[in-house]
């Protein structure tokens, strides 16, 4: 959603209506994951994808009808649906796509502000029944905006989000209201993922490049001026010449922070790891052999870090892919980070 906000704002300024299409269920080998989005203007422009090109044309037509009628709708495409074959869904999967007219009131403003200010938020939407399209926004702090139209349903939704704050994953589920089954979609919008690299060493250079292609905001920290130079890291979003443990305090690590230590130097890595282990950082990895890591853990235990905290460290860092050389090691690190981000 973050990447489509400028487009949405542009269309609004041009006086156009906007529809939002979201993948709310995936079966089999459907080409786009849950939560994938496409926005469509009232003049037929589109941005994003809900099926990697397979059903986009049909979704645009449905979105234009949705804007004319000013009503949301739930669509199904799959191998059992002849229309899906006509529009190109030949991958053997099934998709459910929810299309809704965007209204630019308090709900959209709150969602936009949360996304732009890097605050985690979940949008809960009723997909079926009389209250189709009814929405509420929830935060990890328990803040609530809007209502699903029933006090008990609101309370149920608040309970459902507890696990989602950890997984960062969208989820479609169902419940019963007044004896009627209804489908509910939980769309989680976490802060932009940040890869924080401790040590402006050679491995860090390809690591920044790979992370950027995956949508990470990249931060390189090193107190050594000879290492932390713009010439060595032209693609990094931030280059901080500071002792890592001091910089990490200022960065305020959150649930979308991924911390990697690469220096092999206890003066840099261990204080930084201690800060990271006392934060909600989503991933913490440390470069070094098993022997190096064992010594590192011994020293961190003396510094007051618990055994349970030490178990959060991925070390030796990276997936085992037989990597050698900086680029392959960087690839293995990002592969492991990707796995962790998907709860694997």
Protein backbone atom coordinates (compact mmCIF):
# COMPACT_ATOMS: atom_id res chain seq x y z
CA UNK A 1 0.00 0.00 0.00
CA UNK A 2 2.86 2.34 0.85
CA UNK A 3 4.12 2.46 -2.74
CA UNK A 4 0.65 3.32 -4.10
CA UNK A 5 -0.09 6.28 -1.83
CA UNK A 6 1.53 8.87 -4.16
CA UNK A 7 -0.53 7.51 -7.08
CA UNK A 8 -3.72 7.60 -5.03
CA UNK A 9 -3.02 11.17 -3.93
CA UNK A 10 -2.35 12.18 -7.54
CA UNK A 11 -5.62 10.71 -8.77
CA UNK A 12 -7.52 12.37 -5.94
CA UNK A 13 -6.00 15.75 -6.85
CA UNK A 14 -7.20 15.19 -10.43
CA UNK A 15 -10.75 14.65 -9.21
CA UNK A 16 -10.83 10.93 -9.93
CA UNK A 17 -12.42 8.20 -7.87
CA UNK A 18 -10.24 5.31 -6.74
CA UNK A 19 -10.92 1.62 -6.15
CA UNK A 20 -8.70 -0.73 -4.18
CA UNK A 21 -8.38 -4.41 -5.09
CA UNK A 22 -6.80 -6.76 -2.52
CA UNK A 23 -6.00 -10.48 -2.69
CA UNK A 24 -7.88 -11.83 0.34
CA UNK A 25 -7.56 -15.58 -0.26
CA UNK A 26 -5.09 -17.76 -2.14
CA UNK A 27 -5.48 -21.44 -2.95
CA UNK A 28 -2.90 -23.60 -4.70
CA UNK A 29 -0.27 -21.96 -6.90
CA UNK A 30 -1.86 -18.54 -7.33
CA UNK A 31 0.78 -16.06 -8.57
CA UNK A 32 0.44 -13.29 -5.97
CA UNK A 33 0.47 -13.61 -2.16
CA UNK A 34 -2.23 -12.70 0.30
CA UNK A 35 -2.56 -8.95 0.73
CA UNK A 36 -1.26 -8.03 -2.75
CA UNK A 37 -2.92 -4.89 -4.04
CA UNK A 38 -3.89 -2.95 -7.11
CA UNK A 39 -5.43 0.52 -7.27
CA UNK A 40 -7.68 1.57 -10.14
CA UNK A 41 -8.82 5.06 -11.08
CA UNK A 42 -12.28 5.91 -12.40
CA UNK A 43 -10.66 6.53 -15.81
CA UNK A 44 -9.21 3.00 -15.95
CA UNK A 45 -5.63 3.67 -14.86
CA UNK A 46 -4.08 1.05 -12.61
CA UNK A 47 -1.04 0.49 -10.43
CA UNK A 48 0.09 -2.68 -8.70
CA UNK A 49 -0.88 -6.29 -9.33
CA UNK A 50 -3.17 -8.92 -7.87
CA UNK A 51 -2.20 -11.80 -10.16
CA UNK A 52 1.05 -10.96 -11.98
CA UNK A 53 -0.99 -9.99 -15.03
CA UNK A 54 -3.38 -12.96 -15.20
CA UNK A 55 -6.69 -11.33 -14.20
CA UNK A 56 -5.84 -7.64 -14.05
CA UNK A 57 -8.02 -6.74 -17.05
CA UNK A 58 -11.08 -8.38 -15.54
CA UNK A 59 -10.40 -6.78 -12.16
CA UNK A 60 -10.20 -3.33 -13.74
CA UNK A 61 -13.64 -3.85 -15.32
CA UNK A 62 -15.07 -4.99 -11.99
CA UNK A 63 -13.44 -2.04 -10.22
CA UNK A 64 -15.01 0.47 -12.63
CA UNK A 65 -18.43 -1.11 -12.02
CA UNK A 66 -17.72 -1.02 -8.29
CA UNK A 67 -17.00 2.72 -8.49
CA UNK A 68 -20.19 3.37 -10.44
CA UNK A 69 -22.31 1.43 -7.96
CA UNK A 70 -20.27 2.66 -4.96
CA UNK A 71 -20.39 -0.85 -3.48
CA UNK A 72 -17.63 -3.31 -2.55
CA UNK A 73 -17.61 -6.85 -3.91
CA UNK A 74 -15.79 -10.15 -3.41
CA UNK A 75 -14.58 -11.87 -6.60
CA UNK A 76 -13.37 -15.42 -7.17
CA UNK A 77 -11.06 -16.59 -9.95
CA UNK A 78 -9.75 -20.10 -10.36
CA UNK A 79 -9.36 -23.20 -12.47
CA UNK A 80 -13.03 -24.02 -12.01
CA UNK A 81 -14.00 -20.60 -13.26
CA UNK A 82 -14.17 -20.32 -17.06
CA UNK A 83 -13.74 -16.57 -16.80
CA UNK A 84 -10.39 -17.09 -15.11
CA UNK A 85 -9.15 -19.13 -18.06
CA UNK A 86 -10.42 -16.49 -20.47
CA UNK A 87 -8.41 -13.79 -18.70
CA UNK A 88 -5.33 -15.95 -18.34
CA UNK A 89 -5.26 -17.58 -14.88
CA UNK A 90 -3.65 -20.77 -16.14
CA UNK A 91 -1.33 -21.37 -13.19
CA UNK A 92 -3.70 -23.79 -11.51
CA UNK A 93 -4.42 -21.55 -8.54
CA UNK A 94 -7.47 -19.83 -7.13
CA UNK A 95 -7.81 -16.24 -5.97
CA UNK A 96 -10.38 -14.26 -4.07
CA UNK A 97 -10.11 -10.53 -4.63
CA UNK A 98 -11.96 -7.88 -2.66
CA UNK A 99 -12.69 -4.65 -4.51
CA UNK A 100 -13.85 -1.55 -2.67
CA UNK A 101 -14.27 2.15 -3.45
CA UNK A 102 -11.79 4.17 -1.41
CA UNK A 103 -13.38 6.83 0.73
CA UNK A 104 -11.05 9.57 1.87
CA UNK A 105 -12.33 10.27 5.34
CA UNK A 106 -10.90 9.69 8.80
CA UNK A 107 -10.24 5.98 8.22
CA UNK A 108 -8.08 6.48 5.13
CA UNK A 109 -6.28 9.44 6.70
CA UNK A 110 -5.42 7.41 9.80
CA UNK A 111 -4.20 4.48 7.71
CA UNK A 112 -2.12 6.73 5.46
CA UNK A 113 -0.58 8.56 8.42
CA UNK A 114 0.30 5.29 10.18
CA UNK A 115 1.99 3.93 7.06
CA UNK A 116 3.93 7.11 6.33
CA UNK A 117 4.99 7.54 9.97
CA UNK A 118 6.25 3.92 10.21
CA UNK A 119 3.62 2.87 12.77
CA UNK A 120 2.27 -0.67 12.59
CA UNK A 121 -1.47 -0.89 11.97
CA UNK A 122 -4.01 -3.51 10.91
CA UNK A 123 -7.09 -2.86 8.80
CA UNK A 124 -9.93 -5.28 9.51
CA UNK A 125 -12.60 -5.62 6.81
CA UNK A 126 -15.84 -7.60 6.56
CA UNK A 127 -15.87 -9.40 3.20
CA UNK A 128 -19.38 -10.91 3.16
CA UNK A 129 -22.86 -10.34 4.49
CA UNK A 130 -24.98 -7.29 5.14
CA UNK A 131 -22.06 -5.29 6.54
CA UNK A 132 -19.67 -6.02 3.66
CA UNK A 133 -16.95 -3.37 3.53
CA UNK A 134 -17.33 -2.36 7.19
CA UNK A 135 -13.88 -1.54 8.60
CA UNK A 136 -11.88 -0.84 11.71
CA UNK A 137 -8.22 0.00 12.35
CA UNK A 138 -6.21 -1.55 15.17
CA UNK A 139 -2.72 -0.93 16.55
CA UNK A 140 -0.42 -3.12 18.69
CA UNK A 141 -1.07 -0.69 21.55
CA UNK A 142 -4.78 -1.58 21.49
CA UNK A 143 -5.98 1.61 19.83
CA UNK A 144 -9.17 1.22 17.80
CA UNK A 145 -10.69 3.37 15.08
CA UNK A 146 -14.04 2.52 13.55
CA UNK A 147 -16.27 -0.48 14.12
CA UNK A 148 -17.34 -3.71 12.45
CA UNK A 149 -20.87 -2.91 13.51
CA UNK A 150 -21.07 -5.19 16.55
CA UNK A 151 -19.38 -4.86 19.94
CA UNK A 152 -18.72 -8.60 20.25
CA UNK A 153 -17.26 -8.74 16.75
CA UNK A 154 -14.99 -5.79 17.53
CA UNK A 155 -13.68 -7.58 20.64
CA UNK A 156 -13.16 -10.79 18.66
CA UNK A 157 -11.17 -8.92 16.00
CA UNK A 158 -8.95 -7.32 18.64
CA UNK A 159 -8.10 -10.78 20.02
CA UNK A 160 -7.32 -12.13 16.53
CA UNK A 161 -4.64 -9.51 15.87
CA UNK A 162 -2.40 -10.54 18.79
CA UNK A 163 -0.52 -13.14 16.74
CA UNK A 164 -0.47 -10.97 13.63
CA UNK A 165 1.69 -8.34 15.33
CA UNK A 166 4.39 -11.02 15.51
CA UNK A 167 4.00 -12.52 12.03
CA UNK A 168 3.32 -9.24 10.15
CA UNK A 169 1.17 -11.41 7.87
CA UNK A 170 -2.25 -10.75 6.36
CA UNK A 171 -4.90 -13.31 7.26
CA UNK A 172 -8.40 -14.23 6.11
CA UNK A 173 -10.63 -15.96 8.63
CA UNK A 174 -14.31 -16.34 9.44
CA UNK A 175 -16.64 -16.17 12.40
CA UNK A 176 -20.35 -16.27 13.15
CA UNK A 177 -22.54 -13.26 13.81
CA UNK A 178 -26.19 -13.79 14.69
CA UNK A 179 -25.99 -17.34 13.36
CA UNK A 180 -24.54 -16.26 10.02
CA UNK A 181 -20.99 -17.07 8.88
CA UNK A 182 -19.04 -14.03 7.75
CA UNK A 183 -15.56 -13.72 6.25
CA UNK A 184 -13.11 -11.24 7.75
CA UNK A 185 -9.79 -10.03 6.34
CA UNK A 186 -6.95 -8.76 8.52
CA UNK A 187 -4.51 -6.63 6.53
CA UNK A 188 -1.33 -5.84 8.47
CA UNK A 189 0.80 -2.84 7.53
CA UNK A 190 4.16 -3.09 9.33
CA UNK A 191 6.78 -0.34 9.23
CA UNK A 192 9.16 -0.32 6.29
CA UNK A 193 11.76 -3.07 6.91
CA UNK A 194 15.16 -1.72 7.92
CA UNK A 195 18.40 -3.64 7.48
CA UNK A 196 20.91 -2.27 9.98
CA UNK A 197 24.46 -3.38 9.21
CA UNK A 198 27.12 -3.10 11.91
CA UNK A 199 30.48 -2.80 10.17
CA UNK A 200 31.19 -1.10 6.84
CA UNK A 201 33.22 -4.11 5.70
CA UNK A 202 33.45 -5.61 2.22
CA UNK A 203 30.51 -8.03 2.70
CA UNK A 204 28.32 -5.07 3.63
CA UNK A 205 28.57 -3.57 0.14
CA UNK A 206 26.78 -6.35 -1.81
CA UNK A 207 24.49 -6.87 1.21
CA UNK A 208 23.21 -3.31 0.81
CA UNK A 209 22.64 -3.83 -2.92
CA UNK A 210 20.67 -7.05 -2.47
CA UNK A 211 18.64 -5.66 0.42
CA UNK A 212 17.67 -2.60 -1.62
CA UNK A 213 16.25 -4.80 -4.41
CA UNK A 214 14.07 -6.49 -1.76
CA UNK A 215 12.66 -3.20 -0.52
CA UNK A 216 14.72 -2.72 2.64
CA UNK A 217 15.75 0.65 3.98
CA UNK A 218 19.48 0.14 4.46
CA UNK A 219 21.60 1.60 7.26
CA UNK A 220 25.35 1.04 7.61
CA UNK A 221 27.02 1.90 10.92
CA UNK A 222 30.76 2.11 11.56
CA UNK A 223 32.83 4.46 13.69
CA UNK A 224 35.83 4.00 11.41
CA UNK A 225 35.87 6.83 8.88
CA UNK A 226 38.10 4.95 6.45
CA UNK A 227 35.44 2.24 6.10
CA UNK A 228 32.20 4.22 6.26
CA UNK A 229 32.52 6.35 3.13
CA UNK A 230 29.93 7.34 0.51
CA UNK A 231 32.26 6.02 -2.19
CA UNK A 232 32.10 2.53 -0.70
CA UNK A 233 28.36 2.68 0.02
CA UNK A 234 26.70 4.85 -2.64
CA UNK A 235 23.45 2.87 -2.44
CA UNK A 236 22.98 2.88 1.33
CA UNK A 237 20.02 4.93 2.54
CA UNK A 238 21.94 5.97 5.66
CA UNK A 239 25.64 5.87 6.47
CA UNK A 240 26.31 6.54 10.15
CA UNK A 241 29.83 7.21 11.44
CA UNK A 242 29.29 6.43 15.08
CA UNK A 243 29.87 3.69 17.63
CA UNK A 244 27.17 1.10 16.77
CA UNK A 245 25.66 0.76 20.25
CA UNK A 246 25.15 4.53 20.41
CA UNK A 247 23.61 4.66 16.95
CA UNK A 248 21.23 1.78 17.71
CA UNK A 249 19.79 3.64 20.69
CA UNK A 250 18.99 6.59 18.44
CA UNK A 251 17.50 4.34 15.73
CA UNK A 252 14.91 2.88 18.15
CA UNK A 253 14.79 -0.70 16.89
CA UNK A 254 11.27 -1.98 16.20
CA UNK A 255 9.50 -5.11 14.93
CA UNK A 256 10.62 -4.38 11.36
CA UNK A 257 14.31 -3.97 12.20
CA UNK A 258 16.85 -6.56 11.00
CA UNK A 259 20.29 -6.26 12.61
CA UNK A 260 23.47 -7.80 11.17
CA UNK A 261 26.91 -7.55 12.81
CA UNK A 262 29.88 -8.10 10.49
CA UNK A 263 33.00 -6.65 12.08
CA UNK A 264 34.44 -9.66 13.97
CA UNK A 265 35.46 -7.07 16.56
CA UNK A 266 34.06 -7.47 20.08
CA UNK A 267 34.26 -3.72 20.69
CA UNK A 268 31.77 -3.13 17.88
CA UNK A 269 29.65 -6.27 17.70
CA UNK A 270 29.01 -7.21 21.33
CA UNK A 271 27.63 -3.86 22.59
CA UNK A 272 25.48 -3.65 19.45
CA UNK A 273 24.18 -7.19 19.96
CA UNK A 274 23.30 -6.41 23.56
CA UNK A 275 21.19 -3.44 22.44
CA UNK A 276 19.52 -5.48 19.69
CA UNK A 277 18.76 -8.41 22.01
CA UNK A 278 16.91 -6.07 24.36
CA UNK A 279 14.76 -4.77 21.50
CA UNK A 280 11.86 -6.23 19.47
CA UNK A 281 14.12 -6.51 16.38
CA UNK A 282 12.78 -9.15 14.01
CA UNK A 283 16.17 -10.62 13.07
CA UNK A 284 19.60 -10.55 14.69
CA UNK A 285 22.54 -12.18 12.91
CA UNK A 286 26.26 -12.25 13.62
CA UNK A 287 29.11 -13.14 11.29
CA UNK A 288 31.70 -15.58 12.60
CA UNK A 289 32.54 -19.24 13.05
CA UNK A 290 30.96 -21.50 15.68
CA UNK A 291 34.07 -21.03 17.82
CA UNK A 292 33.87 -17.25 17.50
CA UNK A 293 30.19 -17.29 18.35
CA UNK A 294 30.75 -19.48 21.40
CA UNK A 295 33.26 -16.95 22.75
CA UNK A 296 30.88 -14.12 21.87
CA UNK A 297 28.05 -15.77 23.81
CA UNK A 298 30.33 -16.33 26.81
CA UNK A 299 31.20 -12.65 26.90
CA UNK A 300 27.60 -11.52 26.44
CA UNK A 301 26.46 -13.74 29.31
CA UNK A 302 28.96 -11.94 31.51
CA UNK A 303 27.39 -8.66 30.35
CA UNK A 304 24.00 -9.74 31.66
CA UNK A 305 22.46 -11.12 28.46
CA UNK A 306 20.32 -14.21 29.16
CA UNK A 307 20.62 -17.59 27.46
CA UNK A 308 17.13 -17.15 26.02
CA UNK A 309 18.20 -13.87 24.43
CA UNK A 310 21.35 -15.46 22.96
CA UNK A 311 19.18 -18.01 21.20
CA UNK A 312 17.74 -15.19 19.10
CA UNK A 313 21.09 -14.71 17.36
CA UNK A 314 21.48 -16.37 13.97
CA UNK A 315 25.08 -17.53 13.98
CA UNK A 316 26.98 -18.55 12.00
CA UNK A 317 24.99 -16.10 9.92
CA UNK A 318 23.18 -16.96 6.69
CA UNK A 319 21.55 -20.01 5.12
CA UNK A 320 23.84 -22.90 4.28
CA UNK A 321 24.16 -22.59 0.51
CA UNK A 322 27.88 -23.30 0.23
CA UNK A 323 28.61 -19.60 -0.09
CA UNK A 324 32.12 -18.23 -0.50
CA UNK A 325 33.19 -14.67 -1.16
CA UNK A 326 31.40 -11.46 -0.14
CA UNK A 327 28.57 -11.58 -2.70
CA UNK A 328 27.57 -15.16 -1.98
CA UNK A 329 27.78 -14.60 1.77
CA UNK A 330 25.60 -11.50 1.38
CA UNK A 331 23.13 -13.59 -0.63
CA UNK A 332 23.01 -16.26 2.09
CA UNK A 333 22.37 -13.57 4.73
CA UNK A 334 19.49 -12.05 2.79
CA UNK A 335 18.09 -15.53 2.11
CA UNK A 336 18.01 -16.20 5.85
CA UNK A 337 16.47 -12.80 6.55
CA UNK A 338 13.79 -13.48 3.93
CA UNK A 339 13.01 -16.84 5.53
CA UNK A 340 12.69 -15.24 8.98
CA UNK A 341 10.45 -12.50 7.61
CA UNK A 342 8.08 -15.22 6.38
CA UNK A 343 8.10 -16.99 9.73
CA UNK A 344 10.30 -19.87 8.59
